[in-house]
């Protein structure tokens, strides 16, 4: 799957996120999170699904997902108060903002 959004190109086959002419370096978990959100767009993805997808069969604290989302937002150049791509769906999970994609 290849998706262009803004200055980014997400390519799941090559397992990379291009930012302009370079590559944006993502941790494996951040890559999986972005992939799950892009695949589900424009639908929101529950935190429960994301925990099971990113950490199958493992218990992790709530802060782990928040940390991965924060890392992803930094790479994408956004913040939680004014998200362009990763939208928080309060009390549920996250969604990829598919407008313009």
Protein backbone atom coordinates (compact mmCIF):
# COMPACT_ATOMS: atom_id res chain seq x y z
CA UNK A 1 0.00 0.00 0.00
CA UNK A 2 1.31 3.41 -0.95
CA UNK A 3 -0.34 6.58 0.38
CA UNK A 4 0.70 10.19 -0.14
CA UNK A 5 -0.29 12.80 2.44
CA UNK A 6 1.22 16.26 2.59
CA UNK A 7 4.98 15.95 2.05
CA UNK A 8 4.92 12.30 3.12
CA UNK A 9 4.66 9.02 1.23
CA UNK A 10 3.86 5.93 3.29
CA UNK A 11 4.91 2.70 1.57
CA UNK A 12 4.01 -0.46 3.47
CA UNK A 13 5.72 -2.75 0.93
CA UNK A 14 9.05 -1.00 1.38
CA UNK A 15 8.32 -0.39 5.09
CA UNK A 16 9.23 3.25 4.86
CA UNK A 17 7.87 6.72 5.30
CA UNK A 18 9.36 9.26 2.92
CA UNK A 19 9.44 12.88 3.96
CA UNK A 20 10.21 15.07 0.97
CA UNK A 21 13.34 13.66 -0.62
CA UNK A 22 14.48 11.79 2.51
CA UNK A 23 13.27 9.01 4.73
CA UNK A 24 11.55 9.69 8.06
CA UNK A 25 12.85 7.17 10.55
CA UNK A 26 10.12 5.41 12.52
CA UNK A 27 10.43 2.79 15.20
CA UNK A 28 8.82 -0.55 14.26
CA UNK A 29 5.89 0.13 16.62
CA UNK A 30 5.35 3.65 15.23
CA UNK A 31 5.37 2.21 11.71
CA UNK A 32 2.77 -0.43 12.67
CA UNK A 33 0.62 2.23 14.34
CA UNK A 34 0.71 4.48 11.28
CA UNK A 35 -0.05 1.54 9.01
CA UNK A 36 -3.06 0.48 11.13
CA UNK A 37 -4.45 4.03 11.14
CA UNK A 38 -3.94 4.54 7.41
CA UNK A 39 -5.53 1.17 6.58
CA UNK A 40 -8.60 2.02 8.68
CA UNK A 41 -9.01 5.59 7.39
CA UNK A 42 -11.27 7.43 7.81
CA UNK A 43 -12.57 5.17 10.59
CA UNK A 44 -11.28 5.54 14.14
CA UNK A 45 -9.29 2.65 15.61
CA UNK A 46 -9.87 1.67 19.23
CA UNK A 47 -7.08 1.66 21.77
CA UNK A 48 -7.94 -1.96 22.55
CA UNK A 49 -7.34 -2.97 18.94
CA UNK A 50 -4.08 -1.02 18.81
CA UNK A 51 -2.79 -2.64 22.01
CA UNK A 52 -3.54 -6.09 20.60
CA UNK A 53 -2.00 -5.18 17.24
CA UNK A 54 1.18 -3.57 18.58
CA UNK A 55 1.73 -5.80 21.62
CA UNK A 56 -0.06 -9.11 20.92
CA UNK A 57 -0.46 -11.29 23.98
CA UNK A 58 1.40 -8.82 26.18
CA UNK A 59 0.17 -6.49 28.91
CA UNK A 60 1.56 -2.98 28.62
CA UNK A 61 0.61 0.21 30.42
CA UNK A 62 -1.56 2.88 28.84
CA UNK A 63 1.44 5.17 28.57
CA UNK A 64 3.11 2.89 25.98
CA UNK A 65 0.54 3.71 23.29
CA UNK A 66 0.61 7.39 24.21
CA UNK A 67 4.38 7.37 23.80
CA UNK A 68 4.21 5.75 20.35
CA UNK A 69 1.57 8.29 19.25
CA UNK A 70 3.78 11.13 20.53
CA UNK A 71 6.80 9.78 18.63
CA UNK A 72 4.73 9.48 15.46
CA UNK A 73 3.41 13.03 15.84
CA UNK A 74 6.94 14.37 16.25
CA UNK A 75 8.06 12.63 13.05
CA UNK A 76 5.01 14.02 11.23
CA UNK A 77 5.67 17.52 12.61
CA UNK A 78 2.45 17.97 14.51
CA UNK A 79 1.21 18.29 18.07
CA UNK A 80 -1.80 16.90 19.87
CA UNK A 81 -3.51 20.30 20.15
CA UNK A 82 -3.43 20.94 16.41
CA UNK A 83 -3.20 17.52 14.76
CA UNK A 84 -3.03 17.41 11.01
CA UNK A 85 -2.79 13.66 10.50
CA UNK A 86 -3.24 11.75 13.77
CA UNK A 87 -6.54 12.65 15.42
CA UNK A 88 -7.32 11.66 18.99
CA UNK A 89 -10.82 10.27 19.39
CA UNK A 90 -11.30 10.93 23.09
CA UNK A 91 -12.43 7.96 25.13
CA UNK A 92 -11.92 5.60 22.17
CA UNK A 93 -8.65 5.72 20.25
CA UNK A 94 -7.13 7.39 17.20
CA UNK A 95 -7.90 8.07 13.56
CA UNK A 96 -5.88 9.05 10.52
CA UNK A 97 -7.18 12.32 9.14
CA UNK A 98 -7.88 11.24 5.58
CA UNK A 99 -9.04 14.61 4.27
CA UNK A 100 -7.00 15.49 1.23
CA UNK A 101 -5.49 12.01 0.93
